[in-house]
Amino acid sequence: MNRTISKNELMKLGYKQHTSVSIIRQAKQIMVKQGYAFYNNKRLGRVPISVVEEILGITLQVNYDTSEETSNGTN
């Protein structure tokens, strides 16, 4: 499974909104340069974690909480 990350997940890790958006934008540019034209889309907001780790120079520990993804808001 390819692990991806969004700006909201970066913000949960403590990055400010502008920084998170900037990191995602840089990662998308790297992916386009690597030949993945799919990332040349302004509505796409998820990028591979490995590219973000390359930009930041650190390893990210992201916990995937499936309850957020499957919740329909009726608790």
N, C-alpha and C. Protein backbone atom coordinates (compact mmCIF):
# COMPACT_ATOMS: atom_id res chain seq x y z
N MET A 1 0.84 -1.18 0.00
CA MET A 1 0.00 0.00 0.00
C MET A 1 0.88 1.24 0.00
N ASN A 2 0.63 2.14 -0.93
CA ASN A 2 1.35 3.41 -0.94
C ASN A 2 0.77 4.31 0.12
N ARG A 3 1.64 4.80 0.98
CA ARG A 3 1.19 5.69 2.03
C ARG A 3 1.23 7.12 1.52
N THR A 4 0.17 7.84 1.76
CA THR A 4 0.08 9.23 1.32
C THR A 4 -0.24 10.12 2.51
N ILE A 5 -0.08 11.41 2.29
CA ILE A 5 -0.35 12.38 3.35
C ILE A 5 -0.96 13.63 2.73
N SER A 6 -1.80 14.30 3.50
CA SER A 6 -2.44 15.54 3.05
C SER A 6 -2.01 16.70 3.94
N LYS A 7 -2.40 17.91 3.57
CA LYS A 7 -2.04 19.08 4.37
C LYS A 7 -2.67 19.01 5.76
N ASN A 8 -3.87 18.46 5.85
CA ASN A 8 -4.53 18.36 7.15
C ASN A 8 -3.78 17.42 8.09
N GLU A 9 -3.25 16.35 7.54
CA GLU A 9 -2.47 15.43 8.37
C GLU A 9 -1.14 16.06 8.79
N LEU A 10 -0.55 16.86 7.91
CA LEU A 10 0.67 17.59 8.30
C LEU A 10 0.35 18.59 9.41
N MET A 11 -0.81 19.23 9.33
CA MET A 11 -1.21 20.18 10.37
C MET A 11 -1.41 19.45 11.70
N LYS A 12 -1.94 18.23 11.68
CA LYS A 12 -2.09 17.45 12.91
C LYS A 12 -0.74 17.10 13.52
N LEU A 13 0.29 17.03 12.67
CA LEU A 13 1.64 16.74 13.15
C LEU A 13 2.32 17.99 13.70
N GLY A 14 1.68 19.16 13.58
CA GLY A 14 2.20 20.38 14.18
C GLY A 14 2.67 21.44 13.21
N TYR A 15 2.56 21.20 11.91
CA TYR A 15 2.96 22.21 10.94
C TYR A 15 1.84 23.22 10.75
N LYS A 16 2.21 24.48 10.53
CA LYS A 16 1.21 25.53 10.27
C LYS A 16 0.57 25.30 8.91
N GLN A 17 -0.59 25.91 8.68
CA GLN A 17 -1.35 25.70 7.45
C GLN A 17 -0.53 26.09 6.21
N HIS A 18 0.08 27.27 6.24
CA HIS A 18 0.84 27.72 5.08
C HIS A 18 2.02 26.78 4.80
N THR A 19 2.69 26.34 5.85
CA THR A 19 3.82 25.41 5.70
C THR A 19 3.34 24.09 5.12
N SER A 20 2.23 23.59 5.60
CA SER A 20 1.67 22.32 5.11
C SER A 20 1.32 22.41 3.62
N VAL A 21 0.68 23.49 3.24
CA VAL A 21 0.32 23.69 1.83
C VAL A 21 1.57 23.77 0.97
N SER A 22 2.57 24.48 1.47
CA SER A 22 3.83 24.62 0.73
C SER A 22 4.53 23.28 0.55
N ILE A 23 4.54 22.46 1.57
CA ILE A 23 5.17 21.14 1.49
C ILE A 23 4.45 20.27 0.46
N ILE A 24 3.12 20.27 0.49
CA ILE A 24 2.34 19.48 -0.47
C ILE A 24 2.61 19.98 -1.88
N ARG A 25 2.67 21.29 -2.06
CA ARG A 25 2.93 21.88 -3.38
C ARG A 25 4.31 21.45 -3.90
N GLN A 26 5.32 21.50 -3.04
CA GLN A 26 6.66 21.07 -3.43
C GLN A 26 6.68 19.59 -3.80
N ALA A 27 5.99 18.78 -3.01
CA ALA A 27 5.95 17.34 -3.28
C ALA A 27 5.28 17.06 -4.62
N LYS A 28 4.22 17.79 -4.92
CA LYS A 28 3.55 17.61 -6.21
C LYS A 28 4.47 17.98 -7.36
N GLN A 29 5.25 19.05 -7.21
CA GLN A 29 6.19 19.45 -8.25
C GLN A 29 7.25 18.37 -8.47
N ILE A 30 7.73 17.78 -7.39
CA ILE A 30 8.72 16.70 -7.50
C ILE A 30 8.12 15.51 -8.23
N MET A 31 6.87 15.16 -7.90
CA MET A 31 6.23 14.01 -8.54
C MET A 31 6.03 14.26 -10.04
N VAL A 32 5.68 15.48 -10.42
CA VAL A 32 5.51 15.82 -11.84
C VAL A 32 6.86 15.71 -12.56
N LYS A 33 7.92 16.19 -11.92
CA LYS A 33 9.26 16.09 -12.53
C LYS A 33 9.70 14.64 -12.69
N GLN A 34 9.21 13.76 -11.81
CA GLN A 34 9.55 12.34 -11.90
C GLN A 34 8.70 11.62 -12.95
N GLY A 35 7.79 12.35 -13.59
CA GLY A 35 7.01 11.78 -14.67
C GLY A 35 5.59 11.40 -14.32
N TYR A 36 5.14 11.76 -13.15
CA TYR A 36 3.77 11.46 -12.72
C TYR A 36 2.88 12.68 -12.99
N ALA A 37 2.45 12.82 -14.22
CA ALA A 37 1.64 13.97 -14.63
C ALA A 37 0.33 14.06 -13.86
N PHE A 38 -0.09 12.95 -13.27
CA PHE A 38 -1.31 12.90 -12.46
C PHE A 38 -1.29 13.96 -11.35
N TYR A 39 -0.10 14.29 -10.85
CA TYR A 39 0.02 15.25 -9.75
C TYR A 39 -0.04 16.70 -10.22
N ASN A 40 -0.15 16.92 -11.52
CA ASN A 40 -0.28 18.27 -12.05
C ASN A 40 -1.77 18.65 -12.06
N ASN A 41 -2.38 18.62 -10.90
CA ASN A 41 -3.80 18.84 -10.73
C ASN A 41 -4.00 19.61 -9.42
N LYS A 42 -4.52 20.82 -9.50
CA LYS A 42 -4.65 21.64 -8.30
C LYS A 42 -5.63 21.07 -7.27
N ARG A 43 -6.53 20.19 -7.69
CA ARG A 43 -7.50 19.62 -6.74
C ARG A 43 -6.95 18.42 -5.99
N LEU A 44 -5.83 17.90 -6.44
CA LEU A 44 -5.23 16.75 -5.78
C LEU A 44 -4.46 17.24 -4.56
N GLY A 45 -4.78 16.70 -3.40
CA GLY A 45 -4.16 17.17 -2.16
C GLY A 45 -3.42 16.12 -1.38
N ARG A 46 -3.20 14.95 -1.96
CA ARG A 46 -2.47 13.88 -1.28
C ARG A 46 -1.23 13.53 -2.06
N VAL A 47 -0.12 13.38 -1.35
CA VAL A 47 1.15 13.02 -1.98
C VAL A 47 1.80 11.89 -1.18
N PRO A 48 2.71 11.16 -1.80
CA PRO A 48 3.40 10.09 -1.07
C PRO A 48 4.19 10.62 0.12
N ILE A 49 4.11 9.92 1.23
CA ILE A 49 4.84 10.32 2.43
C ILE A 49 6.34 10.34 2.17
N SER A 50 6.81 9.41 1.35
CA SER A 50 8.25 9.33 1.10
C SER A 50 8.79 10.62 0.48
N VAL A 51 8.01 11.28 -0.36
CA VAL A 51 8.44 12.54 -0.97
C VAL A 51 8.46 13.65 0.08
N VAL A 52 7.47 13.67 0.95
CA VAL A 52 7.42 14.67 2.02
C VAL A 52 8.61 14.46 2.97
N GLU A 53 8.91 13.22 3.28
CA GLU A 53 10.05 12.93 4.15
C GLU A 53 11.36 13.40 3.50
N GLU A 54 11.44 13.25 2.19
CA GLU A 54 12.62 13.71 1.45
C GLU A 54 12.75 15.23 1.55
N ILE A 55 11.65 15.94 1.43
CA ILE A 55 11.65 17.40 1.51
C ILE A 55 12.06 17.86 2.92
N LEU A 56 11.47 17.22 3.94
CA LEU A 56 11.71 17.63 5.32
C LEU A 56 13.02 17.10 5.88
N GLY A 57 13.49 15.99 5.35
CA GLY A 57 14.71 15.39 5.85
C GLY A 57 14.53 14.60 7.13
N ILE A 58 13.29 14.22 7.42
CA ILE A 58 12.99 13.43 8.61
C ILE A 58 12.02 12.31 8.25
N THR A 59 11.91 11.33 9.12
CA THR A 59 10.94 10.26 8.94
C THR A 59 9.68 10.62 9.72
N LEU A 60 8.54 10.57 9.05
CA LEU A 60 7.27 10.91 9.69
C LEU A 60 6.60 9.65 10.23
N GLN A 61 6.01 9.78 11.39
CA GLN A 61 5.22 8.71 11.99
C GLN A 61 3.76 9.13 11.93
N VAL A 62 3.06 8.62 10.93
CA VAL A 62 1.65 8.99 10.73
C VAL A 62 0.80 7.80 11.14
N ASN A 63 -0.14 8.04 12.05
CA ASN A 63 -1.08 7.01 12.47
C ASN A 63 -2.36 7.17 11.69
N TYR A 64 -2.72 6.12 10.97
CA TYR A 64 -3.96 6.17 10.21
C TYR A 64 -5.10 5.72 11.10
N ASP A 65 -6.05 6.61 11.31
CA ASP A 65 -7.23 6.31 12.10
C ASP A 65 -8.38 6.05 11.15
N THR A 66 -8.70 4.77 10.94
CA THR A 66 -9.73 4.42 9.97
C THR A 66 -11.12 4.86 10.42
N SER A 67 -11.31 5.13 11.71
CA SER A 67 -12.64 5.54 12.17
C SER A 67 -13.00 6.91 11.59
N GLU A 68 -12.01 7.79 11.35
CA GLU A 68 -12.30 9.09 10.76
C GLU A 68 -12.73 8.96 9.31
N GLU A 69 -12.11 8.01 8.60
CA GLU A 69 -12.40 7.84 7.18
C GLU A 69 -13.76 7.18 6.95
N THR A 70 -14.16 6.29 7.86
CA THR A 70 -15.41 5.55 7.65
C THR A 70 -16.59 6.16 8.39
N SER A 71 -16.32 7.12 9.25
CA SER A 71 -17.40 7.74 10.02
C SER A 71 -18.27 8.60 9.10
N ASN A 72 -19.58 8.48 9.29
CA ASN A 72 -20.49 9.30 8.49
C ASN A 72 -21.10 10.41 9.33
N GLY A 73 -20.55 10.62 10.54
CA GLY A 73 -21.00 11.73 11.36
C GLY A 73 -22.20 11.40 12.22
N THR A 74 -22.63 10.17 12.29
CA THR A 74 -23.79 9.80 13.12
C THR A 74 -23.31 8.99 14.30
N ASN A 75 -22.80 9.68 15.32
CA ASN A 75 -22.32 9.00 16.53
C ASN A 75 -23.31 9.12 17.63
